C-alpha cells in the first residue's frame, strides 16, 4: 500500500512543477461550452478545437488527454478534484482491506 508520506511527497512534487492557473469547475464549463460552439462539428483535435485544447493546456498546466476530455465533456469534475488535491496537498484515501499491487510485492 502507498504510504501517506510517499503520497504527500508526490503531491508536493506535483504542486511544485504545476504551471499556470488552477483548474476550476467554471473553467471546465467555459471551455466545454466553447468547444460546443466550434464550427467544425467534430470531436477531432483540429481547427478551433485544437486551439482551445492548446489554450486550456497552457493556461491550466493540463495534460493533453485531460484537455481533450474536458473539451469533449468527459471527466471534468475528476480533473478539478485532482488538481484541487494537488494544490491543497490532500492525499488519496486508501482502504487497508483493498488489495493493491504494492501489497502483493
N, C-alpha and C. Protein backbone atom coordinates (compact mmCIF):
# COMPACT_ATOMS: atom_id res chain seq x y z
N UNK A 1 0.84 -1.17 0.00
CA UNK A 1 0.00 0.00 0.00
C UNK A 1 0.89 1.24 0.00
N UNK A 2 0.47 2.26 -0.71
CA UNK A 2 1.23 3.50 -0.76
C UNK A 2 1.12 4.20 0.59
N UNK A 3 2.25 4.58 1.15
CA UNK A 3 2.22 5.25 2.44
C UNK A 3 1.77 6.69 2.25
N UNK A 4 1.19 7.25 3.30
CA UNK A 4 0.75 8.64 3.26
C UNK A 4 1.93 9.56 3.02
N UNK A 5 3.09 9.24 3.60
CA UNK A 5 4.29 10.06 3.43
C UNK A 5 4.72 10.07 1.96
N UNK A 6 4.70 8.91 1.33
CA UNK A 6 5.07 8.82 -0.09
C UNK A 6 4.08 9.61 -0.94
N UNK A 7 2.80 9.50 -0.62
CA UNK A 7 1.77 10.24 -1.35
C UNK A 7 1.94 11.75 -1.16
N UNK A 8 2.27 12.18 0.03
CA UNK A 8 2.47 13.61 0.28
C UNK A 8 3.67 14.14 -0.50
N UNK A 9 4.73 13.36 -0.57
CA UNK A 9 5.90 13.77 -1.35
C UNK A 9 5.53 13.92 -2.82
N UNK A 10 4.70 12.99 -3.32
CA UNK A 10 4.26 13.06 -4.71
C UNK A 10 3.41 14.31 -4.94
N UNK A 11 2.52 14.60 -4.02
CA UNK A 11 1.67 15.79 -4.15
C UNK A 11 2.49 17.08 -4.13
N UNK A 12 3.47 17.13 -3.24
CA UNK A 12 4.34 18.31 -3.16
C UNK A 12 5.11 18.48 -4.46
N UNK A 13 5.62 17.38 -4.99
CA UNK A 13 6.35 17.43 -6.27
C UNK A 13 5.43 17.91 -7.39
N UNK A 14 4.22 17.38 -7.46
CA UNK A 14 3.27 17.78 -8.49
C UNK A 14 2.91 19.26 -8.36
N UNK A 15 2.73 19.73 -7.14
CA UNK A 15 2.39 21.14 -6.92
C UNK A 15 3.54 22.05 -7.35
N UNK A 16 4.78 21.64 -7.07
CA UNK A 16 5.94 22.45 -7.44
C UNK A 16 6.12 22.54 -8.95
N UNK A 17 5.80 21.47 -9.66
CA UNK A 17 6.00 21.51 -11.11
C UNK A 17 4.78 22.05 -11.87
N UNK A 18 3.66 22.29 -11.16
CA UNK A 18 2.46 22.80 -11.82
C UNK A 18 2.71 24.20 -12.37
N UNK A 19 2.27 24.40 -13.59
CA UNK A 19 2.40 25.71 -14.23
C UNK A 19 1.01 26.23 -14.55
N UNK A 20 0.85 27.52 -14.40
CA UNK A 20 -0.43 28.12 -14.77
C UNK A 20 -1.40 28.22 -13.62
N UNK A 21 -2.64 28.50 -13.99
CA UNK A 21 -3.71 28.66 -13.01
C UNK A 21 -4.20 27.28 -12.58
N UNK A 22 -4.97 27.27 -11.49
CA UNK A 22 -5.55 26.03 -11.01
C UNK A 22 -6.92 25.85 -11.65
N UNK A 23 -7.19 24.64 -12.10
CA UNK A 23 -8.43 24.31 -12.80
C UNK A 23 -9.62 24.44 -11.86
N UNK A 24 -10.70 25.02 -12.38
CA UNK A 24 -11.95 25.18 -11.63
C UNK A 24 -13.11 24.62 -12.44
N UNK A 25 -14.23 24.40 -11.77
CA UNK A 25 -15.44 23.94 -12.46
C UNK A 25 -15.88 24.97 -13.49
N UNK A 26 -15.75 26.23 -13.15
CA UNK A 26 -16.14 27.30 -14.08
C UNK A 26 -15.30 27.25 -15.36
N UNK A 27 -14.01 26.99 -15.21
CA UNK A 27 -13.12 26.89 -16.38
C UNK A 27 -13.50 25.68 -17.23
N UNK A 28 -13.77 24.56 -16.59
CA UNK A 28 -14.19 23.35 -17.31
C UNK A 28 -15.46 23.64 -18.10
N UNK A 29 -16.44 24.25 -17.45
CA UNK A 29 -17.71 24.57 -18.11
C UNK A 29 -17.50 25.54 -19.27
N UNK A 30 -16.67 26.55 -19.06
CA UNK A 30 -16.41 27.55 -20.10
C UNK A 30 -15.79 26.89 -21.34
N UNK A 31 -14.73 26.11 -21.15
CA UNK A 31 -14.05 25.50 -22.29
C UNK A 31 -14.93 24.45 -22.97
N UNK A 32 -15.71 23.73 -22.21
CA UNK A 32 -16.65 22.77 -22.82
C UNK A 32 -17.66 23.51 -23.70
N UNK A 33 -18.20 24.59 -23.17
CA UNK A 33 -19.18 25.37 -23.94
C UNK A 33 -18.55 25.98 -25.18
N UNK A 34 -17.32 26.44 -25.09
CA UNK A 34 -16.62 26.98 -26.25
C UNK A 34 -16.42 25.89 -27.31
N UNK A 35 -16.09 24.69 -26.87
CA UNK A 35 -15.89 23.58 -27.80
C UNK A 35 -17.20 23.23 -28.51
N UNK A 36 -18.32 23.37 -27.81
CA UNK A 36 -19.62 23.09 -28.43
C UNK A 36 -19.97 24.09 -29.52
N UNK A 37 -19.40 25.28 -29.44
CA UNK A 37 -19.67 26.34 -30.42
C UNK A 37 -18.79 26.24 -31.67
N UNK A 38 -17.81 25.36 -31.64
CA UNK A 38 -16.89 25.23 -32.77
C UNK A 38 -17.66 24.90 -34.05
N UNK A 39 -17.23 25.50 -35.13
CA UNK A 39 -17.91 25.30 -36.41
C UNK A 39 -17.51 24.01 -37.10
N UNK A 40 -16.50 23.32 -36.58
CA UNK A 40 -16.01 22.11 -37.26
C UNK A 40 -16.94 20.91 -37.09
N UNK A 41 -17.88 20.95 -36.15
CA UNK A 41 -18.84 19.87 -35.92
C UNK A 41 -18.19 18.49 -35.83
N UNK A 42 -17.10 18.41 -35.13
CA UNK A 42 -16.41 17.14 -34.94
C UNK A 42 -15.73 17.14 -33.58
N UNK A 43 -15.46 15.98 -33.09
CA UNK A 43 -14.74 15.88 -31.81
C UNK A 43 -13.24 15.71 -32.03
N UNK A 44 -12.82 15.76 -33.29
CA UNK A 44 -11.39 15.61 -33.60
C UNK A 44 -10.62 16.85 -33.17
N UNK A 45 -9.35 16.66 -32.89
CA UNK A 45 -8.48 17.73 -32.42
C UNK A 45 -7.94 18.52 -33.62
N UNK A 46 -8.83 19.30 -34.23
CA UNK A 46 -8.48 20.11 -35.40
C UNK A 46 -9.08 21.51 -35.28
N UNK A 47 -8.51 22.44 -36.00
CA UNK A 47 -9.07 23.78 -36.10
C UNK A 47 -9.25 24.48 -34.76
N UNK A 48 -10.46 24.99 -34.55
CA UNK A 48 -10.78 25.74 -33.34
C UNK A 48 -10.65 24.88 -32.08
N UNK A 49 -11.05 23.61 -32.18
CA UNK A 49 -10.93 22.73 -31.00
C UNK A 49 -9.47 22.54 -30.61
N UNK A 50 -8.60 22.43 -31.60
CA UNK A 50 -7.18 22.27 -31.31
C UNK A 50 -6.64 23.52 -30.62
N UNK A 51 -7.05 24.69 -31.09
CA UNK A 51 -6.62 25.94 -30.45
C UNK A 51 -7.13 26.01 -29.02
N UNK A 52 -8.39 25.62 -28.80
CA UNK A 52 -8.94 25.60 -27.44
C UNK A 52 -8.17 24.62 -26.56
N UNK A 53 -7.86 23.45 -27.09
CA UNK A 53 -7.12 22.45 -26.32
C UNK A 53 -5.75 22.96 -25.91
N UNK A 54 -5.05 23.58 -26.83
CA UNK A 54 -3.72 24.13 -26.51
C UNK A 54 -3.82 25.24 -25.48
N UNK A 55 -4.82 26.10 -25.63
CA UNK A 55 -5.02 27.19 -24.66
C UNK A 55 -5.32 26.64 -23.28
N UNK A 56 -6.17 25.63 -23.21
CA UNK A 56 -6.53 25.00 -21.94
C UNK A 56 -5.31 24.36 -21.29
N UNK A 57 -4.50 23.67 -22.07
CA UNK A 57 -3.28 23.05 -21.54
C UNK A 57 -2.32 24.10 -20.99
N UNK A 58 -2.09 25.13 -21.77
CA UNK A 58 -1.12 26.16 -21.37
C UNK A 58 -1.61 26.95 -20.16
N UNK A 59 -2.88 27.33 -20.17
CA UNK A 59 -3.42 28.17 -19.10
C UNK A 59 -3.48 27.44 -17.75
N UNK A 60 -3.82 26.13 -17.80
CA UNK A 60 -4.03 25.39 -16.56
C UNK A 60 -3.02 24.28 -16.31
N UNK A 61 -2.03 24.14 -17.17
CA UNK A 61 -0.99 23.14 -16.97
C UNK A 61 -1.50 21.71 -17.05
N UNK A 62 -2.46 21.46 -17.93
CA UNK A 62 -3.07 20.14 -18.04
C UNK A 62 -2.31 19.25 -19.02
N UNK A 63 -2.49 17.96 -18.86
CA UNK A 63 -2.02 17.01 -19.85
C UNK A 63 -2.92 17.11 -21.09
N UNK A 64 -2.39 16.71 -22.23
CA UNK A 64 -3.18 16.79 -23.46
C UNK A 64 -4.48 16.00 -23.35
N UNK A 65 -4.41 14.78 -22.83
CA UNK A 65 -5.61 13.95 -22.72
C UNK A 65 -6.65 14.59 -21.80
N UNK A 66 -6.19 15.27 -20.75
CA UNK A 66 -7.12 15.93 -19.84
C UNK A 66 -7.85 17.06 -20.57
N UNK A 67 -7.11 17.85 -21.35
CA UNK A 67 -7.72 18.95 -22.10
C UNK A 67 -8.70 18.42 -23.15
N UNK A 68 -8.31 17.37 -23.86
CA UNK A 68 -9.19 16.77 -24.86
C UNK A 68 -10.47 16.28 -24.21
N UNK A 69 -10.35 15.60 -23.08
CA UNK A 69 -11.53 15.09 -22.37
C UNK A 69 -12.43 16.21 -21.90
N UNK A 70 -11.87 17.28 -21.37
CA UNK A 70 -12.67 18.40 -20.91
C UNK A 70 -13.46 19.01 -22.06
N UNK A 71 -12.80 19.19 -23.20
CA UNK A 71 -13.50 19.75 -24.36
C UNK A 71 -14.61 18.82 -24.84
N UNK A 72 -14.43 17.52 -24.62
CA UNK A 72 -15.45 16.55 -25.00
C UNK A 72 -16.50 16.32 -23.93
N UNK A 73 -16.39 17.01 -22.81
CA UNK A 73 -17.38 16.88 -21.74
C UNK A 73 -17.19 15.64 -20.88
N UNK A 74 -15.96 15.13 -20.82
CA UNK A 74 -15.70 13.88 -20.09
C UNK A 74 -14.73 14.13 -18.93
N UNK A 75 -15.08 13.66 -17.75
CA UNK A 75 -14.21 13.65 -16.56
C UNK A 75 -13.81 15.03 -16.04
N UNK A 76 -14.52 16.06 -16.38
CA UNK A 76 -14.17 17.41 -15.92
C UNK A 76 -14.11 17.52 -14.41
N UNK A 77 -15.12 16.99 -13.73
CA UNK A 77 -15.16 17.06 -12.26
C UNK A 77 -14.00 16.29 -11.65
N UNK A 78 -13.62 15.18 -12.26
CA UNK A 78 -12.49 14.39 -11.78
C UNK A 78 -11.20 15.21 -11.85
N UNK A 79 -10.99 15.91 -12.97
CA UNK A 79 -9.77 16.70 -13.13
C UNK A 79 -9.74 17.89 -12.17
N UNK A 80 -10.89 18.51 -11.94
CA UNK A 80 -10.95 19.60 -10.96
C UNK A 80 -10.55 19.07 -9.59
N UNK A 81 -11.08 17.91 -9.22
CA UNK A 81 -10.76 17.30 -7.92
C UNK A 81 -9.28 16.92 -7.85
N UNK A 82 -8.73 16.39 -8.94
CA UNK A 82 -7.32 16.00 -8.98
C UNK A 82 -6.42 17.20 -8.71
N UNK A 83 -6.65 18.31 -9.42
CA UNK A 83 -5.79 19.47 -9.25
C UNK A 83 -6.06 20.20 -7.94
N UNK A 84 -7.26 20.08 -7.41
CA UNK A 84 -7.55 20.64 -6.09
C UNK A 84 -6.78 19.87 -5.02
N UNK A 85 -6.72 18.54 -5.16
CA UNK A 85 -5.94 17.73 -4.22
C UNK A 85 -4.47 18.09 -4.28
N UNK A 86 -3.95 18.30 -5.50
CA UNK A 86 -2.54 18.66 -5.65
C UNK A 86 -2.28 20.02 -5.03
N UNK A 87 -3.14 20.99 -5.32
CA UNK A 87 -2.95 22.35 -4.80
C UNK A 87 -2.99 22.38 -3.29
N UNK A 88 -3.90 21.62 -2.69
CA UNK A 88 -4.10 21.66 -1.24
C UNK A 88 -3.39 20.54 -0.48
N UNK A 89 -2.65 19.68 -1.20
CA UNK A 89 -1.90 18.61 -0.54
C UNK A 89 -2.78 17.60 0.17
N UNK A 90 -3.85 17.18 -0.48
CA UNK A 90 -4.79 16.23 0.11
C UNK A 90 -4.52 14.85 -0.50
N UNK A 91 -3.99 13.92 0.28
CA UNK A 91 -3.70 12.58 -0.27
C UNK A 91 -4.98 11.80 -0.53
N UNK A 92 -4.88 10.84 -1.44
CA UNK A 92 -5.99 9.93 -1.68
C UNK A 92 -6.18 9.05 -0.45
N UNK A 93 -7.42 8.69 -0.19
CA UNK A 93 -7.68 7.76 0.90
C UNK A 93 -7.54 6.34 0.38
N UNK A 94 -6.80 5.53 1.11
CA UNK A 94 -6.60 4.15 0.71
C UNK A 94 -7.26 3.22 1.71
N UNK A 95 -7.94 2.23 1.20
CA UNK A 95 -8.59 1.26 2.06
C UNK A 95 -7.58 0.19 2.48
N UNK A 96 -7.40 -0.03 3.79
CA UNK A 96 -6.42 -1.03 4.24
C UNK A 96 -6.83 -2.46 3.87
N UNK A 97 -8.11 -2.69 3.57
CA UNK A 97 -8.56 -4.04 3.24
C UNK A 97 -8.49 -4.31 1.74
N UNK A 98 -8.30 -3.28 0.94
CA UNK A 98 -8.26 -3.46 -0.51
C UNK A 98 -6.87 -3.94 -0.93
N UNK A 99 -6.83 -4.98 -1.72
CA UNK A 99 -5.57 -5.49 -2.23
C UNK A 99 -5.03 -4.56 -3.32
N UNK A 100 -3.75 -4.32 -3.26
CA UNK A 100 -3.10 -3.46 -4.25
C UNK A 100 -1.87 -4.16 -4.78
N UNK A 101 -1.34 -3.65 -5.87
CA UNK A 101 -0.12 -4.24 -6.40
C UNK A 101 1.04 -4.05 -5.43
N UNK A 102 1.10 -2.90 -4.75
CA UNK A 102 2.16 -2.67 -3.78
C UNK A 102 2.13 -3.70 -2.66
N UNK A 103 0.92 -4.07 -2.24
CA UNK A 103 0.77 -5.02 -1.14
C UNK A 103 1.22 -6.42 -1.57
N UNK A 104 1.02 -6.76 -2.85
CA UNK A 104 1.39 -8.07 -3.34
C UNK A 104 2.89 -8.24 -3.46
N UNK A 105 3.62 -7.15 -3.68
CA UNK A 105 5.08 -7.22 -3.87
C UNK A 105 5.82 -7.60 -2.63
